[in-house]
């Protein structure tokens, strides 16, 4: 059909930009995971600060750039101080960004507060996992979340079909969701074979992938309530840090809760 010379944007129009920025982020992240220590901690602190800034900006009733920036800096500083002191008492500092948002003009205050705490615990959990369980544990977590997201992206566009939760996330399909689980299971199988992980790692990886997808859906719900498409525009093809790393929030918080009751995955290599 003649479209008057106007080419309509296709469903793959963002693929190359998305892939390029995703690859750059992945390479930087893998290098810093490998280095560990404060190299990795610094990456996490920057990520937490940016995500808290984006959430504060989204939930402000009117543009408040300075206020959002201060909350982002407070998030990074309070988490950094809690990690540096390395004492349970100082973990209470991590509530400061949530409290700062509650005492300033804010839409959906408690939604903001809960998701801000999820961001803070995500940062704390990633550093704790790297220090306590080793490099391969964090590598497994990063790869399974990334592969679940990538397989969900391609599965949803190639297969399509019924929506997973159309009211909250109109683009997410059951096909993409299941492909994400399969991608995570493959990562679990590979890490079990190559790094001496437990035999139950593939199915557990799929379970963690579901938690990461729920983290993605939670952030999508917040954006819809706030009437925004992306949390920011700092990552080409992905939007903001929250748009790219919301899956880590769901997966990391799930693992922190799981570890209070059940054994965590281990890696011998």
Protein backbone atom coordinates (compact mmCIF):
# COMPACT_ATOMS: atom_id res chain seq x y z
CA UNK A 1 0.00 0.00 0.00
CA UNK A 2 1.24 3.47 -0.87
CA UNK A 3 1.97 5.34 2.35
CA UNK A 4 2.69 8.66 0.66
CA UNK A 5 6.44 8.18 0.97
CA UNK A 6 6.28 8.14 4.77
CA UNK A 7 7.94 5.12 6.32
CA UNK A 8 6.24 3.98 9.47
CA UNK A 9 8.55 3.05 12.31
CA UNK A 10 8.93 -0.71 12.59
CA UNK A 11 9.08 -2.82 15.69
CA UNK A 12 12.85 -3.27 15.20
CA UNK A 13 13.70 0.42 14.76
CA UNK A 14 15.45 0.67 18.13
CA UNK A 15 17.38 -2.60 17.83
CA UNK A 16 20.80 -1.32 16.79
CA UNK A 17 20.86 1.65 19.16
CA UNK A 18 19.60 -0.58 21.96
CA UNK A 19 22.17 -3.27 21.17
CA UNK A 20 25.06 -0.80 20.98
CA UNK A 21 24.38 0.94 24.27
CA UNK A 22 23.54 -2.39 25.92
CA UNK A 23 26.85 -3.89 24.78
CA UNK A 24 28.80 -0.90 26.09
CA UNK A 25 27.08 -1.13 29.47
CA UNK A 26 27.60 -4.89 29.61
CA UNK A 27 31.34 -4.66 28.89
CA UNK A 28 31.86 -1.94 31.51
CA UNK A 29 29.82 -3.88 34.05
CA UNK A 30 31.65 -7.17 33.45
CA UNK A 31 35.05 -5.51 33.83
CA UNK A 32 34.06 -3.92 37.14
CA UNK A 33 32.47 -7.14 38.40
CA UNK A 34 35.76 -8.89 37.61
CA UNK A 35 37.79 -6.24 39.45
CA UNK A 36 35.46 -6.30 42.44
CA UNK A 37 36.26 -4.41 45.64
CA UNK A 38 35.57 -0.66 45.42
CA UNK A 39 35.57 -0.69 41.64
CA UNK A 40 32.34 -2.66 41.67
CA UNK A 41 31.00 -0.78 44.68
CA UNK A 42 31.53 2.53 42.88
CA UNK A 43 29.55 1.25 39.87
CA UNK A 44 26.70 0.22 42.16
CA UNK A 45 26.69 3.57 43.99
CA UNK A 46 26.49 5.49 40.71
CA UNK A 47 23.66 3.26 39.52
CA UNK A 48 21.70 3.64 42.77
CA UNK A 49 22.14 7.41 42.72
CA UNK A 50 20.95 7.72 39.13
CA UNK A 51 17.92 5.46 39.68
CA UNK A 52 16.90 7.33 42.84
CA UNK A 53 17.25 10.63 40.94
CA UNK A 54 15.04 9.34 38.12
CA UNK A 55 12.37 8.07 40.50
CA UNK A 56 12.35 11.34 42.45
CA UNK A 57 12.04 13.35 39.24
CA UNK A 58 9.21 11.16 37.93
CA UNK A 59 7.14 11.35 41.11
CA UNK A 60 7.54 15.08 41.75
CA UNK A 61 4.21 16.90 41.10
CA UNK A 62 6.06 19.58 39.13
CA UNK A 63 9.59 19.88 37.67
CA UNK A 64 12.02 19.85 40.59
CA UNK A 65 15.46 19.15 39.15
CA UNK A 66 17.46 20.32 42.16
CA UNK A 67 15.33 18.33 44.60
CA UNK A 68 15.62 15.13 42.52
CA UNK A 69 19.38 15.60 42.22
CA UNK A 70 19.74 15.98 45.98
CA UNK A 71 17.76 12.79 46.59
CA UNK A 72 19.94 10.93 44.09
CA UNK A 73 23.10 12.15 45.81
CA UNK A 74 21.64 11.24 49.20
CA UNK A 75 20.91 7.72 47.97
CA UNK A 76 24.46 7.16 46.75
CA UNK A 77 26.02 8.78 49.83
CA UNK A 78 23.90 6.95 52.40
CA UNK A 79 24.47 3.56 50.76
CA UNK A 80 28.19 4.28 50.41
CA UNK A 81 28.48 5.22 54.08
CA UNK A 82 26.53 2.13 55.16
CA UNK A 83 28.83 -0.10 53.09
CA UNK A 84 31.94 1.66 54.37
CA UNK A 85 30.95 1.36 58.05
CA UNK A 86 29.98 -2.29 57.50
CA UNK A 87 27.84 -2.44 60.65
CA UNK A 88 24.15 -3.51 60.78
CA UNK A 89 23.22 -0.35 62.70
CA UNK A 90 24.38 1.88 59.86
CA UNK A 91 22.09 0.14 57.37
CA UNK A 92 19.37 2.40 58.78
CA UNK A 93 20.93 5.20 56.74
CA UNK A 94 19.45 3.61 53.63
CA UNK A 95 15.97 4.86 54.55
CA UNK A 96 17.05 8.50 54.14
CA UNK A 97 16.20 8.84 50.41
CA UNK A 98 12.75 7.36 51.01
CA UNK A 99 12.15 9.71 53.94
CA UNK A 100 13.40 12.67 51.89
CA UNK A 101 10.80 11.88 49.27
CA UNK A 102 8.02 11.51 51.84
CA UNK A 103 8.61 14.94 53.37
CA UNK A 104 8.74 16.77 50.02
CA UNK A 105 5.88 17.28 47.52
CA UNK A 106 5.35 13.87 45.94
CA UNK A 107 2.78 11.94 43.93
CA UNK A 108 2.06 8.45 45.27
CA UNK A 109 4.31 8.92 48.28
CA UNK A 110 4.24 5.35 49.50
CA UNK A 111 4.78 3.90 46.04
CA UNK A 112 7.81 6.16 45.80
CA UNK A 113 9.04 5.13 49.26
CA UNK A 114 8.68 1.38 48.66
CA UNK A 115 10.39 1.45 45.27
CA UNK A 116 13.16 3.69 46.60
CA UNK A 117 13.86 1.13 49.32
CA UNK A 118 13.91 -1.57 46.63
CA UNK A 119 16.58 0.45 44.79
CA UNK A 120 18.62 0.83 47.99
CA UNK A 121 18.43 -2.87 48.83
CA UNK A 122 19.34 -3.71 45.25
CA UNK A 123 22.56 -1.76 45.61
CA UNK A 124 23.30 -3.25 49.01
CA UNK A 125 22.51 -6.76 47.81
CA UNK A 126 24.74 -6.59 44.73
CA UNK A 127 27.75 -5.51 46.78
CA UNK A 128 26.98 -8.08 49.50
CA UNK A 129 26.66 -10.84 46.91
CA UNK A 130 29.98 -9.90 45.29
CA UNK A 131 31.76 -9.81 48.64
CA UNK A 132 30.04 -12.82 50.21
CA UNK A 133 29.45 -15.25 47.35
CA UNK A 134 32.09 -14.24 44.86
CA UNK A 135 32.44 -13.00 41.33
CA UNK A 136 30.67 -15.93 39.66
CA UNK A 137 27.51 -15.39 41.71
CA UNK A 138 27.15 -11.80 40.48
CA UNK A 139 28.12 -12.86 36.96
CA UNK A 140 25.34 -15.47 37.03
CA UNK A 141 22.82 -12.90 38.28
CA UNK A 142 23.78 -10.28 35.70
CA UNK A 143 23.76 -12.75 32.81
CA UNK A 144 20.41 -14.31 33.70
CA UNK A 145 18.69 -10.93 34.01
CA UNK A 146 20.27 -9.75 30.75
CA UNK A 147 19.37 -12.93 28.85
CA UNK A 148 15.83 -12.95 30.25
CA UNK A 149 15.41 -9.37 29.03
CA UNK A 150 16.98 -10.07 25.64
CA UNK A 151 15.03 -13.28 25.01
CA UNK A 152 11.84 -11.58 26.17
CA UNK A 153 12.49 -8.74 23.72
CA UNK A 154 12.99 -11.04 20.73
CA UNK A 155 10.36 -13.58 21.76
CA UNK A 156 7.72 -10.92 22.21
CA UNK A 157 8.40 -9.35 18.81
CA UNK A 158 8.88 -12.55 16.81
CA UNK A 159 6.05 -14.57 18.33
CA UNK A 160 3.68 -11.98 19.79
CA UNK A 161 0.38 -13.35 21.04
CA UNK A 162 -1.55 -12.81 24.28
CA UNK A 163 -0.37 -10.08 26.63
CA UNK A 164 1.10 -11.00 30.00
CA UNK A 165 -0.46 -8.12 31.94
CA UNK A 166 -1.88 -5.61 29.45
CA UNK A 167 -3.26 -3.20 32.03
CA UNK A 168 0.20 -2.59 33.50
CA UNK A 169 2.64 -3.47 30.72
CA UNK A 170 0.88 -3.42 27.31
CA UNK A 171 3.91 -4.60 25.31
CA UNK A 172 4.86 -7.63 27.41
CA UNK A 173 3.53 -10.92 26.01
CA UNK A 174 3.31 -14.43 27.42
CA UNK A 175 5.61 -15.59 24.62
CA UNK A 176 8.28 -13.06 25.57
CA UNK A 177 7.89 -13.85 29.26
CA UNK A 178 8.36 -17.59 28.73
CA UNK A 179 11.27 -16.99 26.36
CA UNK A 180 12.83 -14.94 29.17
CA UNK A 181 12.51 -17.87 31.55
CA UNK A 182 14.10 -20.19 29.00
CA UNK A 183 16.98 -17.77 28.43
CA UNK A 184 17.63 -17.56 32.16
CA UNK A 185 17.49 -21.37 32.47
CA UNK A 186 20.14 -21.67 29.74
CA UNK A 187 22.36 -19.27 31.69
CA UNK A 188 21.81 -21.39 34.81
CA UNK A 189 22.70 -24.56 32.92
CA UNK A 190 25.87 -22.97 31.51
CA UNK A 191 26.99 -21.63 34.89
CA UNK A 192 26.30 -24.99 36.53
CA UNK A 193 28.44 -26.72 33.90
CA UNK A 194 31.26 -24.19 33.66
CA UNK A 195 31.49 -22.77 37.18
CA UNK A 196 30.47 -25.71 39.33
CA UNK A 197 27.01 -24.44 40.21
CA UNK A 198 24.33 -26.71 41.74
CA UNK A 199 22.22 -29.02 39.56
CA UNK A 200 19.07 -27.05 40.46
CA UNK A 201 20.49 -23.81 39.09
CA UNK A 202 18.60 -23.86 35.73
CA UNK A 203 15.10 -23.94 37.23
CA UNK A 204 16.11 -21.54 39.99
CA UNK A 205 17.46 -19.14 37.36
CA UNK A 206 14.05 -19.19 35.67
CA UNK A 207 12.44 -18.36 39.03
CA UNK A 208 14.82 -15.42 39.52
CA UNK A 209 14.01 -14.31 35.96
CA UNK A 210 10.32 -14.18 36.92
CA UNK A 211 11.26 -11.93 39.85
CA UNK A 212 13.25 -9.71 37.49
CA UNK A 213 10.25 -9.48 35.15
CA UNK A 214 8.04 -8.46 38.07
CA UNK A 215 10.56 -5.72 38.87
CA UNK A 216 10.23 -4.55 35.27
CA UNK A 217 6.43 -4.61 35.51
CA UNK A 218 6.48 -2.66 38.79
CA UNK A 219 8.54 0.11 37.18
CA UNK A 220 6.24 0.09 34.14
CA UNK A 221 3.26 0.55 36.46
CA UNK A 222 4.90 3.55 38.12
CA UNK A 223 5.66 5.15 34.75
CA UNK A 224 2.07 4.67 33.62
CA UNK A 225 0.77 6.28 36.83
CA UNK A 226 3.16 9.19 36.32
CA UNK A 227 2.31 9.51 32.63
CA UNK A 228 5.88 9.14 31.34
CA UNK A 229 7.33 6.81 28.69
CA UNK A 230 10.89 6.54 30.04
CA UNK A 231 12.44 7.27 33.42
CA UNK A 232 14.98 9.52 31.64
CA UNK A 233 16.92 9.64 28.37
CA UNK A 234 20.47 8.97 29.54
CA UNK A 235 20.87 5.52 27.87
CA UNK A 236 20.25 5.52 24.09
CA UNK A 237 17.67 2.94 23.10
CA UNK A 238 16.81 2.06 26.68
CA UNK A 239 15.66 5.33 28.25
CA UNK A 240 16.90 5.69 31.80
CA UNK A 241 18.79 3.61 34.33
CA UNK A 242 15.51 2.49 35.90
CA UNK A 243 14.29 1.31 32.50
CA UNK A 244 17.44 -0.75 32.02
CA UNK A 245 18.05 -2.05 35.53
CA UNK A 246 14.55 -2.45 36.98
CA UNK A 247 14.93 -6.20 36.47
CA UNK A 248 17.92 -6.22 38.82
CA UNK A 249 15.75 -4.66 41.51
CA UNK A 250 13.22 -7.48 41.32
CA UNK A 251 15.85 -10.22 41.10
CA UNK A 252 18.13 -8.87 43.85
CA UNK A 253 15.35 -8.19 46.36
CA UNK A 254 13.98 -11.68 45.68
CA UNK A 255 17.41 -13.24 46.34
CA UNK A 256 17.83 -11.26 49.56
CA UNK A 257 14.48 -12.59 50.80
CA UNK A 258 15.15 -16.12 49.53
CA UNK A 259 18.47 -16.24 51.34
CA UNK A 260 16.82 -15.58 54.70
CA UNK A 261 15.05 -18.96 54.51
CA UNK A 262 16.56 -21.16 51.78
CA UNK A 263 20.10 -21.98 50.60
CA UNK A 264 21.63 -19.71 48.00
CA UNK A 265 23.34 -20.93 44.82
CA UNK A 266 27.05 -21.64 45.14
CA UNK A 267 29.85 -21.85 42.62
CA UNK A 268 32.90 -24.01 43.06
CA UNK A 269 35.01 -22.48 40.27
